[in-house]
Amino acid sequence: MANSLYRWNLYPDIPLEISEALSAYPRIQRKLLFNRGIRTALDASIFLRQEGSLYDPFLLDDMDKAVKTIFSVIQSGNAIAIYGDYDVDGVTATSLLVQVLRKYHANVRGYIPNRFEEGYGVNMDAVQILHDEQIQLMITVDCGIRSAKETDFAKSLGMEVIISDHHEPSDELPTAAAAILCPKKTTDSYPDKNLAGVGLAYKIAEAMLKTKPIEGVSADDWLDLVAIGTVADMVPLIHENRSLVKKGLQKLQQSTKPGIQALADVSGLKLSNMKASHIGFALGPRLNAAGRLETAKLSFDLLMSENYEDACNFARALDEQNKFRQELTKVTQENVIRKIDSENIPHLIAASDPAFNMGIVGLVASRLTEKYYRPAIVGASGEEFTRASCRSIPEFHITHALDQCADLLERHGGHAMAAGLTVKNKNWETLISRLFEIAQNELNGKDLCPSKTADLEISLDYLQGFVLDQIAEMEPFGYSNPEAVFIVKNLQVKSARSVGTDQNHLRLSLISDNNLSIDGIAFRQSSWAEDMPAKIDVLCYFEKNVWHDRENYQLNILDIRPSDDKGKNGQ
């Protein structure tokens, strides 16, 4: 018999006083709101109803200086460069600001560094190139807050610099910049600290159009790009991010931008049905593929397209790159897995190889962490240095571990669950040995098992269409606002069969104690088909399945256990 994948947890019951405060909302929605930190009727109303911009862009420290500098350079006729990043957040932010500045007839171009030749962030060679092209003002988006030396260099060449970045600053700020827009600065009073890079670019556009309005033009015209970049960057979908994405999805569903239309078409999606999940699993990976394998210019060109024919050519090329990226990730992952003893999984998984592609090592590390529930470090080694991506689990703060190895590293940075590093090849083995020791000390004796927390346990009889309506009002789902998860117990298994191209998914027909029936799909859980219990409990999403214009309710099953077996599960 197959084993459960997760330890099941359940959010605590909603206290009576909070239940009364949220009494205007249906019982299930009330519980979903409570589980997401909503405690008052006002907070619930804001969460469910507000959309678009929430705060004045001039609350951002230095925004007045940034806008004044931009308009001064535009008026002088001098050239401007938007310096971005090669991920979706960076590309959408770059496209947004270039398009907005062109509405003011600015002489502006986008610049996105090459991941393989230049790496992340502002670099000296790029600054020199832009100076040689007579660029007078460089505006960074999604990068730059840790580029003090590069900013000093630009200033020494006579260039102005505006930094806009949502990442954590270091102790040394790029003070040579004309303006530093970063909500995470200790001196910044902006109410929301979690804007994505594209959200910050939107705020610049909002401030510019507030200062010098253009008839028929609104910053909201670019909220479709804001939605794509914000969801793809996996920033918390709460507060202003949620509000921007909520309105941005409406814009996306009606978007007339050729690049977005072509991207949806090549992804097999209807814009009118677009949800946040479609960005995460379809649009985002295609836009990211170019920067992972070559240069993100292709993604930038797609979003800047002014006619559908050109956009379709760019979109088809991105789709082909994404397919290659998927295959390359699969092959690299299998290469690492072959060297892991499944009977004795180490506390930390590490691998590097000259053949590994730097653009996909983060994806491979993520897959390994997901598969084995262990911290994973995967690197691509060059002639002198290895650049690696790290992914971790809640029990192990990977950046703190790297901090203990700082003497071996050229550079590193990140947060609890993800990080990046550069190390000399001669120090790789020593680094991994020390990290193994740190992981051993911190994780030894712990029951390393992933967990899922359900919003509530519910009877199948209660899962009807009105519940889907209540769930839908909680959208858009994403980081910090996950889709509603339920525990449904004592379901009789009428049938279970393997499905899918590789027969690795499980299709079930289930019946409740009250003789109600429902279909279920359990992705990558076909091993249960060989020895399925008569009755099961499931951890699941409740959703509407549409297939060939036919609709029916189904359980999207995350995990299964026999009804009489709690095993490693707490519920």
Protein backbone atom coordinates (compact mmCIF):
# COMPACT_ATOMS: atom_id res chain seq x y z
CA MET A 1 0.00 0.00 0.00
CA ALA A 2 1.25 3.49 -0.84
CA ASN A 3 2.15 5.94 1.92
CA SER A 4 0.70 9.36 2.62
CA LEU A 5 2.78 12.23 1.28
CA TYR A 6 2.19 14.75 4.06
CA ARG A 7 1.59 15.26 7.72
CA TRP A 8 -1.92 16.67 7.91
CA ASN A 9 -2.58 19.69 10.11
CA LEU A 10 -5.77 21.62 10.71
CA TYR A 11 -6.16 25.32 11.48
CA PRO A 12 -7.57 25.96 14.99
CA ASP A 13 -11.26 26.64 15.49
CA ILE A 14 -12.35 30.23 15.02
CA PRO A 15 -12.90 31.93 18.42
CA LEU A 16 -16.47 32.95 19.20
CA GLU A 17 -15.71 36.70 19.34
CA ILE A 18 -14.05 36.64 15.90
CA SER A 19 -16.81 34.51 14.46
CA GLU A 20 -19.30 37.11 15.67
CA ALA A 21 -17.19 39.94 14.21
CA LEU A 22 -17.27 38.16 10.83
CA SER A 23 -20.89 37.05 11.13
CA ALA A 24 -21.89 38.89 7.93
CA TYR A 25 -19.98 36.23 5.98
CA PRO A 26 -21.00 32.57 5.36
CA ARG A 27 -19.57 29.94 7.72
CA ILE A 28 -16.96 28.49 5.36
CA GLN A 29 -15.79 31.87 4.08
CA ARG A 30 -15.64 33.13 7.67
CA LYS A 31 -13.23 30.30 8.51
CA LEU A 32 -11.13 30.94 5.39
CA LEU A 33 -10.83 34.60 6.34
CA PHE A 34 -9.82 33.75 9.91
CA ASN A 35 -7.20 31.28 8.68
CA ARG A 36 -5.66 34.06 6.59
CA GLY A 37 -5.32 36.45 9.51
CA ILE A 38 -8.55 38.42 9.03
CA ARG A 39 -10.06 39.36 12.38
CA THR A 40 -12.50 42.23 11.80
CA ALA A 41 -15.35 43.06 9.45
CA LEU A 42 -13.38 46.03 8.09
CA ASP A 43 -10.32 43.89 7.30
CA ALA A 44 -12.60 41.32 5.65
CA SER A 45 -14.23 43.99 3.50
CA ILE A 46 -10.84 45.32 2.41
CA PHE A 47 -9.57 41.81 1.67
CA LEU A 48 -12.60 40.81 -0.40
CA ARG A 49 -13.64 44.06 -2.06
CA GLN A 50 -10.69 46.42 -2.63
CA GLU A 51 -8.81 46.40 -5.90
CA GLY A 52 -6.17 48.52 -7.59
CA SER A 53 -3.76 50.98 -5.98
CA LEU A 54 -4.18 51.41 -2.22
CA TYR A 55 -1.57 54.03 -1.33
CA ASP A 56 -0.28 57.33 -2.66
CA PRO A 57 2.96 56.63 -4.59
CA PHE A 58 4.54 59.73 -3.03
CA LEU A 59 4.54 57.92 0.32
CA LEU A 60 7.60 56.13 -1.05
CA ASP A 61 10.74 57.84 0.18
CA ASP A 62 12.45 59.75 -2.67
CA MET A 63 9.55 59.40 -5.13
CA ASP A 64 9.36 63.19 -5.50
CA LYS A 65 13.08 63.28 -6.37
CA ALA A 66 12.68 60.40 -8.83
CA VAL A 67 9.80 62.02 -10.70
CA LYS A 68 11.53 65.40 -10.84
CA THR A 69 14.70 63.78 -12.22
CA ILE A 70 12.82 61.77 -14.86
CA PHE A 71 10.88 64.76 -16.18
CA SER A 72 14.03 66.91 -16.20
CA VAL A 73 15.86 64.38 -18.40
CA ILE A 74 12.83 63.93 -20.68
CA GLN A 75 12.56 67.70 -21.13
CA SER A 76 16.26 67.97 -21.98
CA GLY A 77 15.86 65.31 -24.68
CA ASN A 78 18.60 63.14 -23.18
CA ALA A 79 18.47 59.35 -23.35
CA ILE A 80 17.14 57.11 -20.58
CA ALA A 81 17.76 53.39 -19.97
CA ILE A 82 15.54 51.13 -17.87
CA TYR A 83 17.92 48.58 -16.36
CA GLY A 84 15.96 45.41 -15.50
CA ASP A 85 16.42 41.78 -14.60
CA TYR A 86 16.03 38.57 -16.60
CA ASP A 87 13.12 37.08 -14.61
CA VAL A 88 9.42 37.76 -15.20
CA ASP A 89 9.26 40.48 -12.56
CA GLY A 90 12.22 42.29 -14.08
CA VAL A 91 11.06 41.93 -17.68
CA THR A 92 7.51 43.12 -16.97
CA ALA A 93 8.85 46.05 -14.91
CA THR A 94 11.22 47.05 -17.71
CA SER A 95 8.48 46.82 -20.35
CA LEU A 96 6.07 48.82 -18.20
CA LEU A 97 8.40 51.76 -17.60
CA VAL A 98 9.66 51.89 -21.19
CA GLN A 99 6.07 52.01 -22.45
CA VAL A 100 5.04 54.65 -19.91
CA LEU A 101 8.03 56.90 -20.66
CA ARG A 102 7.34 56.65 -24.38
CA LYS A 103 3.90 58.11 -23.68
CA TYR A 104 5.87 61.21 -22.67
CA HIS A 105 7.91 60.92 -25.93
CA ALA A 106 11.03 60.08 -23.94
CA ASN A 107 14.15 58.77 -25.66
CA VAL A 108 14.19 55.51 -23.70
CA ARG A 109 15.40 51.95 -24.12
CA GLY A 110 15.33 48.80 -22.03
CA TYR A 111 18.44 46.97 -20.88
CA ILE A 112 18.27 43.47 -19.42
CA PRO A 113 21.57 41.82 -18.45
CA ASN A 114 22.50 38.38 -19.73
CA ARG A 115 22.28 35.81 -16.90
CA PHE A 116 25.31 33.86 -18.16
CA GLU A 117 27.63 36.69 -19.20
CA GLU A 118 26.70 39.40 -16.69
CA GLY A 119 24.81 37.75 -13.85
CA TYR A 120 22.21 39.39 -11.63
CA GLY A 121 22.07 43.11 -10.99
CA VAL A 122 23.91 46.19 -12.20
CA ASN A 123 27.44 45.57 -13.45
CA MET A 124 30.31 47.86 -14.39
CA ASP A 125 30.54 46.75 -18.03
CA ALA A 126 26.84 47.44 -18.57
CA VAL A 127 27.17 50.90 -17.03
CA GLN A 128 30.06 51.65 -19.41
CA ILE A 129 28.05 50.40 -22.40
CA LEU A 130 25.10 52.61 -21.48
CA HIS A 131 27.40 55.61 -20.98
CA ASP A 132 28.97 54.99 -24.41
CA GLU A 133 25.44 55.04 -25.85
CA GLN A 134 24.97 58.54 -24.41
CA ILE A 135 22.53 57.41 -21.73
CA GLN A 136 22.03 60.27 -19.27
CA LEU A 137 19.69 58.54 -16.79
CA MET A 138 19.65 54.89 -15.74
CA ILE A 139 16.58 53.70 -13.83
CA THR A 140 16.91 50.26 -12.29
CA VAL A 141 13.91 48.02 -11.78
CA ASP A 142 13.96 44.83 -9.66
CA CYS A 143 17.66 45.35 -8.90
CA GLY A 144 20.23 47.91 -7.82
CA ILE A 145 19.70 48.33 -4.08
CA ARG A 146 23.02 46.55 -3.42
CA SER A 147 24.87 48.20 -6.33
CA ALA A 148 26.62 51.04 -4.51
CA LYS A 149 29.92 50.70 -6.37
CA GLU A 150 28.21 50.51 -9.76
CA THR A 151 26.13 53.56 -8.92
CA ASP A 152 29.26 55.47 -7.87
CA PHE A 153 30.85 54.48 -11.20
CA ALA A 154 27.83 55.69 -13.18
CA LYS A 155 27.90 58.98 -11.29
CA SER A 156 31.62 59.38 -12.03
CA LEU A 157 30.79 59.08 -15.73
CA GLY A 158 28.27 61.89 -15.43
CA MET A 159 25.16 59.68 -15.47
CA GLU A 160 22.15 60.08 -13.17
CA VAL A 161 20.81 56.94 -11.48
CA ILE A 162 17.44 56.15 -9.95
CA ILE A 163 17.29 52.90 -7.99
CA SER A 164 13.95 51.09 -7.75
CA ASP A 165 14.23 47.70 -6.09
CA HIS A 166 12.04 45.64 -3.77
CA HIS A 167 14.85 43.47 -2.37
CA GLU A 168 16.48 43.76 1.03
CA PRO A 169 19.16 46.47 1.13
CA SER A 170 22.58 45.96 2.67
CA ASP A 171 24.17 48.31 5.18
CA GLU A 172 25.72 50.25 2.28
CA LEU A 173 23.09 52.05 0.21
CA PRO A 174 23.82 53.42 -3.30
CA THR A 175 23.83 56.99 -2.00
CA ALA A 176 25.20 58.41 -5.26
CA ALA A 177 21.78 57.80 -6.81
CA ALA A 178 19.46 60.74 -7.40
CA ALA A 179 16.68 58.71 -5.74
CA ILE A 180 16.40 55.34 -4.02
CA LEU A 181 12.95 53.74 -4.17
CA CYS A 182 12.89 50.72 -1.91
CA PRO A 183 10.05 50.03 0.56
CA LYS A 184 12.40 47.87 2.62
CA LYS A 185 14.73 50.76 3.45
CA THR A 186 14.66 51.36 7.19
CA THR A 187 13.85 55.05 6.55
CA ASP A 188 10.97 54.33 4.17
CA SER A 189 7.44 54.84 5.49
CA TYR A 190 5.49 53.21 2.66
CA PRO A 191 2.71 51.09 4.24
CA ASP A 192 3.34 47.94 2.17
CA LYS A 193 6.85 46.48 2.21
CA ASN A 194 6.17 43.55 -0.13
CA LEU A 195 5.61 45.11 -3.55
CA ALA A 196 7.21 43.25 -6.44
CA GLY A 197 9.66 45.03 -8.73
CA VAL A 198 6.90 45.55 -11.29
CA GLY A 199 4.64 46.90 -8.54
CA LEU A 200 7.29 49.50 -7.74
CA ALA A 201 7.57 50.37 -11.46
CA TYR A 202 3.79 50.82 -11.50
CA LYS A 203 4.09 53.23 -8.57
CA ILE A 204 6.62 55.31 -10.55
CA ALA A 205 4.16 55.40 -13.46
CA GLU A 206 1.37 56.35 -11.08
CA ALA A 207 3.44 59.19 -9.61
CA MET A 208 4.43 60.48 -13.05
CA LEU A 209 0.86 60.48 -14.34
CA LYS A 210 -0.32 62.14 -11.15
CA THR A 211 2.28 64.90 -11.61
CA LYS A 212 1.79 65.37 -15.36
CA PRO A 213 -1.42 63.66 -16.52
CA ILE A 214 -1.83 62.51 -20.11
CA GLU A 215 -5.36 62.50 -21.44
CA GLY A 216 -6.66 58.96 -21.93
CA VAL A 217 -3.68 57.36 -20.17
CA SER A 218 -3.77 55.74 -16.70
CA ALA A 219 -1.19 53.76 -14.77
CA ASP A 220 -3.90 51.11 -14.50
CA ASP A 221 -3.46 50.49 -18.25
CA TRP A 222 -0.41 48.42 -17.28
CA LEU A 223 -1.95 46.43 -14.41
CA ASP A 224 -2.01 43.34 -16.65
CA LEU A 225 1.81 43.42 -16.62
CA VAL A 226 1.75 44.10 -12.87
CA ALA A 227 -0.40 40.99 -12.31
CA ILE A 228 1.92 38.78 -14.39
CA GLY A 229 5.13 39.99 -12.73
CA THR A 230 3.75 40.00 -9.18
CA VAL A 231 2.31 36.48 -9.32
CA ALA A 232 5.36 35.05 -11.09
CA ASP A 233 7.72 36.56 -8.49
CA MET A 234 5.84 34.80 -5.67
CA VAL A 235 5.64 37.83 -3.40
CA PRO A 236 2.86 37.65 -0.77
CA LEU A 237 -0.56 38.08 -2.40
CA ILE A 238 -1.90 40.16 0.45
CA HIS A 239 -2.50 43.87 1.04
CA GLU A 240 -1.60 46.01 -2.00
CA ASN A 241 -0.14 43.14 -4.01
CA ARG A 242 -3.46 41.32 -3.76
CA SER A 243 -5.38 44.48 -4.67
CA LEU A 244 -3.16 45.21 -7.69
CA VAL A 245 -3.30 41.62 -8.94
CA LYS A 246 -7.07 41.45 -8.46
CA LYS A 247 -7.63 44.44 -10.72
CA GLY A 248 -4.73 43.36 -12.93
CA LEU A 249 -6.41 40.04 -13.65
CA GLN A 250 -9.48 41.92 -14.84
CA LYS A 251 -7.23 43.93 -17.17
CA LEU A 252 -5.52 40.72 -18.28
CA GLN A 253 -8.83 39.10 -19.14
CA GLN A 254 -9.60 42.04 -21.45
CA SER A 255 -6.04 42.81 -22.58
CA THR A 256 -5.53 44.08 -26.12
CA LYS A 257 -1.73 43.98 -25.90
CA PRO A 258 -0.50 41.80 -28.81
CA GLY A 259 2.25 40.19 -26.69
CA ILE A 260 -0.13 39.10 -23.97
CA GLN A 261 -2.69 37.82 -26.48
CA ALA A 262 -0.05 35.78 -28.32
CA LEU A 263 1.38 34.40 -25.06
CA ALA A 264 -2.08 33.25 -23.95
CA ASP A 265 -2.75 31.69 -27.36
CA VAL A 266 0.49 29.70 -27.45
CA SER A 267 -0.25 28.55 -23.87
CA GLY A 268 -3.67 27.26 -24.94
CA LEU A 269 -5.48 29.67 -22.63
CA LYS A 270 -8.43 32.00 -23.06
CA LEU A 271 -7.66 35.44 -21.69
CA SER A 272 -11.27 35.77 -20.55
CA ASN A 273 -10.75 32.85 -18.14
CA MET A 274 -7.34 33.93 -16.83
CA LYS A 275 -6.57 33.29 -13.16
CA ALA A 276 -3.47 33.77 -11.03
CA SER A 277 -2.74 30.04 -11.30
CA HIS A 278 -2.49 30.35 -15.10
CA ILE A 279 0.23 32.96 -14.66
CA GLY A 280 2.13 30.69 -12.28
CA PHE A 281 1.94 27.54 -14.39
CA ALA A 282 1.67 28.77 -17.99
CA LEU A 283 2.53 32.40 -18.73
CA GLY A 284 5.30 32.83 -16.14
CA PRO A 285 7.38 29.76 -17.08
CA ARG A 286 7.31 30.71 -20.77
CA LEU A 287 8.43 34.27 -20.06
CA ASN A 288 11.13 32.93 -17.73
CA ALA A 289 12.42 30.35 -20.22
CA ALA A 290 14.33 32.87 -22.35
CA GLY A 291 16.33 34.26 -19.42
CA ARG A 292 17.05 30.77 -18.12
CA LEU A 293 18.52 29.46 -21.36
CA GLU A 294 19.86 32.46 -23.30
CA THR A 295 18.81 36.07 -22.88
CA ALA A 296 15.52 37.54 -21.69
CA LYS A 297 15.44 39.88 -24.71
CA LEU A 298 12.95 37.57 -26.41
CA SER A 299 10.48 37.96 -23.52
CA PHE A 300 11.03 41.72 -23.50
CA ASP A 301 10.46 41.91 -27.27
CA LEU A 302 7.23 39.93 -26.88
CA LEU A 303 5.82 42.32 -24.28
CA MET A 304 6.88 45.32 -26.36
CA SER A 305 5.27 43.97 -29.56
CA GLU A 306 2.91 46.34 -31.33
CA ASN A 307 1.40 43.84 -33.77
CA TYR A 308 0.03 40.34 -33.31
CA GLU A 309 2.08 38.71 -36.09
CA ASP A 310 5.43 39.67 -34.54
CA ALA A 311 4.11 38.75 -31.09
CA CYS A 312 3.12 35.28 -32.31
CA ASN A 313 6.64 34.67 -33.62
CA PHE A 314 8.14 35.67 -30.27
CA ALA A 315 5.56 33.62 -28.32
CA ARG A 316 6.17 30.47 -30.39
CA ALA A 317 9.92 30.82 -29.86
CA LEU A 318 9.38 31.19 -26.10
CA ASP A 319 7.14 28.12 -26.10
CA GLU A 320 9.87 26.06 -27.78
CA GLN A 321 12.45 27.35 -25.30
CA ASN A 322 10.15 26.41 -22.43
CA LYS A 323 9.79 22.85 -23.75
CA PHE A 324 13.58 22.58 -23.96
CA ARG A 325 13.87 24.05 -20.45
CA GLN A 326 11.45 21.40 -19.14
CA GLU A 327 13.44 18.58 -20.73
CA LEU A 328 16.76 19.98 -19.54
CA THR A 329 15.41 20.29 -15.99
CA LYS A 330 14.14 16.70 -16.09
CA VAL A 331 17.45 15.31 -17.36
CA THR A 332 19.50 17.25 -14.80
CA GLN A 333 17.20 16.20 -11.97
CA GLU A 334 17.46 12.54 -12.98
CA ASN A 335 21.24 12.89 -13.13
CA VAL A 336 21.30 14.02 -9.48
CA ILE A 337 18.70 11.49 -8.31
CA ARG A 338 20.73 8.56 -9.66
CA LYS A 339 23.47 9.41 -7.15
CA ILE A 340 21.14 9.54 -4.13
CA ASP A 341 20.66 6.47 -1.94
CA SER A 342 16.87 6.38 -1.50
CA GLU A 343 17.30 4.10 1.54
CA ASN A 344 19.63 6.55 3.25
CA ILE A 345 18.76 10.07 2.16
CA PRO A 346 21.33 12.57 3.48
CA HIS A 347 20.30 15.58 5.53
CA LEU A 348 21.44 17.82 2.68
CA ILE A 349 21.54 17.09 -1.06
CA ALA A 350 24.31 18.72 -3.08
CA ALA A 351 25.52 18.37 -6.66
CA SER A 352 27.51 20.37 -9.17
CA ASP A 353 28.71 19.68 -12.67
CA PRO A 354 30.21 21.65 -15.57
CA ALA A 355 27.42 20.23 -17.73
CA PHE A 356 24.65 21.73 -15.59
CA ASN A 357 22.96 24.80 -17.04
CA MET A 358 23.11 27.78 -14.68
CA GLY A 359 19.65 28.88 -15.76
CA ILE A 360 17.89 25.79 -14.42
CA VAL A 361 19.84 24.80 -11.30
CA GLY A 362 17.32 26.62 -9.09
CA LEU A 363 14.47 24.65 -10.63
CA VAL A 364 16.34 21.39 -10.09
CA ALA A 365 17.09 22.28 -6.46
CA SER A 366 13.39 23.04 -5.94
CA ARG A 367 12.34 19.69 -7.42
CA LEU A 368 14.83 17.82 -5.23
CA THR A 369 13.65 19.59 -2.07
CA GLU A 370 10.05 18.82 -3.03
CA LYS A 371 10.82 15.15 -3.71
CA TYR A 372 13.02 14.38 -0.69
CA TYR A 373 12.08 17.13 1.78
CA ARG A 374 15.72 18.01 2.29
CA PRO A 375 17.75 21.19 1.69
CA ALA A 376 19.25 21.00 -1.80
CA ILE A 377 22.16 22.84 -3.44
CA VAL A 378 22.73 22.50 -7.17
CA GLY A 379 25.57 24.27 -8.95
CA ALA A 380 26.99 24.85 -12.41
CA SER A 381 30.78 24.86 -12.29
CA GLY A 382 32.85 26.97 -14.66
CA GLU A 383 36.58 27.28 -15.14
CA GLU A 384 37.21 28.89 -11.75
CA PHE A 385 33.89 29.35 -9.98
CA THR A 386 30.75 27.37 -9.21
CA ARG A 387 27.47 29.29 -9.07
CA ALA A 388 24.76 27.46 -7.19
CA SER A 389 21.13 27.80 -6.18
CA CYS A 390 19.86 26.58 -2.82
CA ARG A 391 16.36 25.57 -1.71
CA SER A 392 15.40 24.52 1.79
CA ILE A 393 12.71 23.40 4.22
CA PRO A 394 11.23 25.26 7.22
CA GLU A 395 13.41 23.32 9.63
CA PHE A 396 16.66 24.62 8.07
CA HIS A 397 17.45 28.31 7.40
CA ILE A 398 19.70 27.98 4.38
CA THR A 399 21.04 31.54 4.39
CA HIS A 400 22.02 31.30 8.06
CA ALA A 401 23.88 28.10 7.17
CA LEU A 402 25.69 29.88 4.34
CA ASP A 403 26.57 32.73 6.71
CA GLN A 404 28.54 30.17 8.73
CA CYS A 405 30.54 29.41 5.58
CA ALA A 406 31.14 33.00 4.48
CA ASP A 407 34.92 32.54 4.62
CA LEU A 408 34.65 29.98 1.80
CA LEU A 409 32.29 31.97 -0.41
CA GLU A 410 32.86 34.73 -2.94
CA ARG A 411 29.30 35.98 -2.46
CA HIS A 412 25.98 34.69 -1.22
CA GLY A 413 22.55 35.93 -0.29
CA GLY A 414 18.92 34.94 0.09
CA HIS A 415 16.42 34.14 2.79
CA ALA A 416 15.28 31.19 4.90
CA MET A 417 14.03 28.96 2.08
CA ALA A 418 16.13 30.00 -0.92
CA ALA A 419 19.58 31.42 -1.61
CA GLY A 420 22.29 31.75 -4.22
CA LEU A 421 26.06 31.49 -3.91
CA THR A 422 29.32 31.76 -5.81
CA VAL A 423 32.29 29.73 -4.66
CA LYS A 424 35.72 28.93 -6.07
CA ASN A 425 35.82 25.40 -7.44
CA LYS A 426 38.68 24.50 -5.11
CA ASN A 427 36.44 25.35 -2.12
CA TRP A 428 33.32 23.47 -3.27
CA GLU A 429 34.00 20.18 -1.48
CA THR A 430 35.01 21.95 1.74
CA LEU A 431 31.87 24.08 1.56
CA ILE A 432 29.57 21.09 1.08
CA SER A 433 31.31 19.16 3.85
CA ARG A 434 30.76 22.03 6.27
CA LEU A 435 27.12 22.44 5.20
CA PHE A 436 26.57 18.71 5.66
CA GLU A 437 27.88 19.04 9.21
CA ILE A 438 25.62 22.04 9.91
CA ALA A 439 22.60 20.19 8.49
CA GLN A 440 23.45 17.09 10.49
CA ASN A 441 23.60 19.08 13.71
CA GLU A 442 20.34 20.93 13.07
CA LEU A 443 18.23 18.17 11.51
CA ASN A 444 19.41 14.99 13.19
CA GLY A 445 16.59 13.37 15.16
CA LYS A 446 13.84 15.44 13.52
CA ASP A 447 10.98 13.76 11.71
CA LEU A 448 11.55 15.29 8.28
CA CYS A 449 8.15 15.07 6.70
CA PRO A 450 6.36 17.81 4.72
CA SER A 451 3.07 19.03 6.10
CA LYS A 452 -0.12 20.50 4.67
CA THR A 453 -2.57 22.51 6.74
CA ALA A 454 -6.26 22.16 5.89
CA ASP A 455 -8.68 25.04 6.34
CA LEU A 456 -11.34 22.74 7.77
CA GLU A 457 -12.68 19.22 7.84
CA ILE A 458 -15.93 19.03 5.90
CA SER A 459 -18.57 16.54 4.83
CA LEU A 460 -18.85 15.75 1.13
CA ASP A 461 -22.55 16.57 1.41
CA TYR A 462 -21.62 20.20 2.12
CA LEU A 463 -19.33 20.63 -0.89
CA GLN A 464 -21.75 22.22 -3.32
CA GLY A 465 -21.70 25.08 -5.80
CA PHE A 466 -22.22 27.79 -3.18
CA VAL A 467 -18.94 26.74 -1.55
CA LEU A 468 -17.13 27.32 -4.85
CA ASP A 469 -18.65 30.80 -4.96
CA GLN A 470 -17.31 31.54 -1.47
CA ILE A 471 -13.88 30.21 -2.41
CA ALA A 472 -13.85 32.26 -5.62
CA GLU A 473 -14.27 35.48 -3.64
CA MET A 474 -10.97 34.69 -1.88
CA GLU A 475 -9.05 34.83 -5.17
CA PRO A 476 -6.47 35.63 -6.40
CA PHE A 477 -4.64 32.77 -4.72
CA GLY A 478 -0.90 32.71 -4.28
CA TYR A 479 1.85 33.00 -1.71
CA SER A 480 0.35 33.93 1.73
CA ASN A 481 -3.18 33.44 0.37
CA PRO A 482 -3.29 29.75 -0.58
CA GLU A 483 -6.23 28.03 -2.20
CA ALA A 484 -8.71 26.53 0.28
CA VAL A 485 -7.78 23.00 1.40
CA PHE A 486 -10.26 20.55 2.93
CA ILE A 487 -10.16 17.21 4.73
CA VAL A 488 -12.97 14.86 3.69
CA LYS A 489 -13.21 11.56 5.58
CA ASN A 490 -14.75 8.11 5.14
CA LEU A 491 -15.15 8.09 1.38
CA GLN A 492 -15.92 4.75 -0.22
CA VAL A 493 -13.80 4.03 -3.27
CA LYS A 494 -16.10 2.91 -6.06
CA SER A 495 -13.29 2.80 -8.62
CA ALA A 496 -9.66 3.84 -9.00
CA ARG A 497 -7.51 3.68 -12.13
CA SER A 498 -4.22 5.05 -13.39
CA VAL A 499 -4.44 7.74 -16.06
CA GLY A 500 -2.16 10.11 -17.95
CA THR A 501 0.50 9.67 -20.62
CA ASP A 502 2.82 7.95 -18.15
CA GLN A 503 -0.05 6.42 -16.14
CA ASN A 504 1.21 8.24 -13.05
CA HIS A 505 -2.04 9.99 -12.08
CA LEU A 506 -5.03 8.47 -10.31
CA ARG A 507 -8.68 8.92 -11.31
CA LEU A 508 -11.20 7.97 -8.61
CA SER A 509 -14.95 7.67 -8.21
CA LEU A 510 -15.93 8.25 -4.56
CA ILE A 511 -19.12 7.85 -2.51
CA SER A 512 -19.97 9.42 0.86
CA ASP A 513 -21.76 7.76 3.78
CA ASN A 514 -24.94 9.49 2.56
CA ASN A 515 -24.51 7.93 -0.88
CA LEU A 516 -23.41 11.15 -2.63
CA SER A 517 -20.85 10.57 -5.35
CA ILE A 518 -18.01 12.70 -6.70
CA ASP A 519 -14.99 12.24 -8.97
CA GLY A 520 -11.45 12.77 -7.81
CA ILE A 521 -8.09 13.30 -9.48
CA ALA A 522 -4.83 12.65 -7.61
CA PHE A 523 -1.82 13.80 -9.58
CA ARG A 524 1.36 11.70 -9.36
CA GLN A 525 -0.30 9.25 -6.93
CA SER A 526 -1.02 6.27 -9.19
CA SER A 527 0.84 3.93 -6.79
CA TRP A 528 -2.38 3.75 -4.74
CA ALA A 529 -4.17 1.99 -7.62
CA GLU A 530 -2.38 -1.30 -6.89
CA ASP A 531 -3.73 -1.62 -3.35
CA MET A 532 -6.52 0.89 -2.77
CA PRO A 533 -8.28 0.74 0.63
CA ALA A 534 -12.06 0.34 0.62
CA LYS A 535 -12.47 3.66 2.44
CA ILE A 536 -10.17 6.65 2.41
CA ASP A 537 -9.70 10.15 3.85
CA VAL A 538 -8.50 12.80 1.42
CA LEU A 539 -6.73 16.15 1.68
CA CYS A 540 -8.03 18.12 -1.27
CA TYR A 541 -9.11 21.18 -3.18
CA PHE A 542 -12.76 21.40 -4.25
CA GLU A 543 -13.14 22.59 -7.83
CA LYS A 544 -15.17 22.61 -11.01
CA ASN A 545 -13.78 20.43 -13.79
CA VAL A 546 -14.48 21.55 -17.36
CA TRP A 547 -13.83 19.05 -20.13
CA HIS A 548 -15.17 19.36 -23.68
CA ASP A 549 -17.78 21.89 -22.54
CA ARG A 550 -18.99 19.53 -19.79
CA GLU A 551 -18.79 20.69 -16.18
CA ASN A 552 -18.78 18.69 -12.98
CA TYR A 553 -17.50 19.06 -9.42
CA GLN A 554 -14.40 17.14 -8.43
CA LEU A 555 -11.87 16.76 -5.63
CA ASN A 556 -8.32 17.64 -6.61
CA ILE A 557 -6.65 15.28 -4.16
CA LEU A 558 -3.34 16.31 -2.61
CA ASP A 559 -2.97 13.27 -0.36
CA ILE A 560 -4.70 10.01 0.58
CA ARG A 561 -4.78 7.81 3.66
CA PRO A 562 -6.87 4.81 4.73
CA SER A 563 -9.85 5.98 6.79
CA ASP A 564 -8.84 3.96 9.82
CA ASP A 565 -5.15 4.92 9.71
CA LYS A 566 -3.87 8.23 11.11
CA GLY A 567 -0.25 7.19 10.53
CA LYS A 568 2.01 10.22 10.45
CA ASN A 569 -1.02 12.47 10.17
CA GLY A 570 -2.23 14.49 13.09
CA GLN A 571 -5.90 14.51 12.12
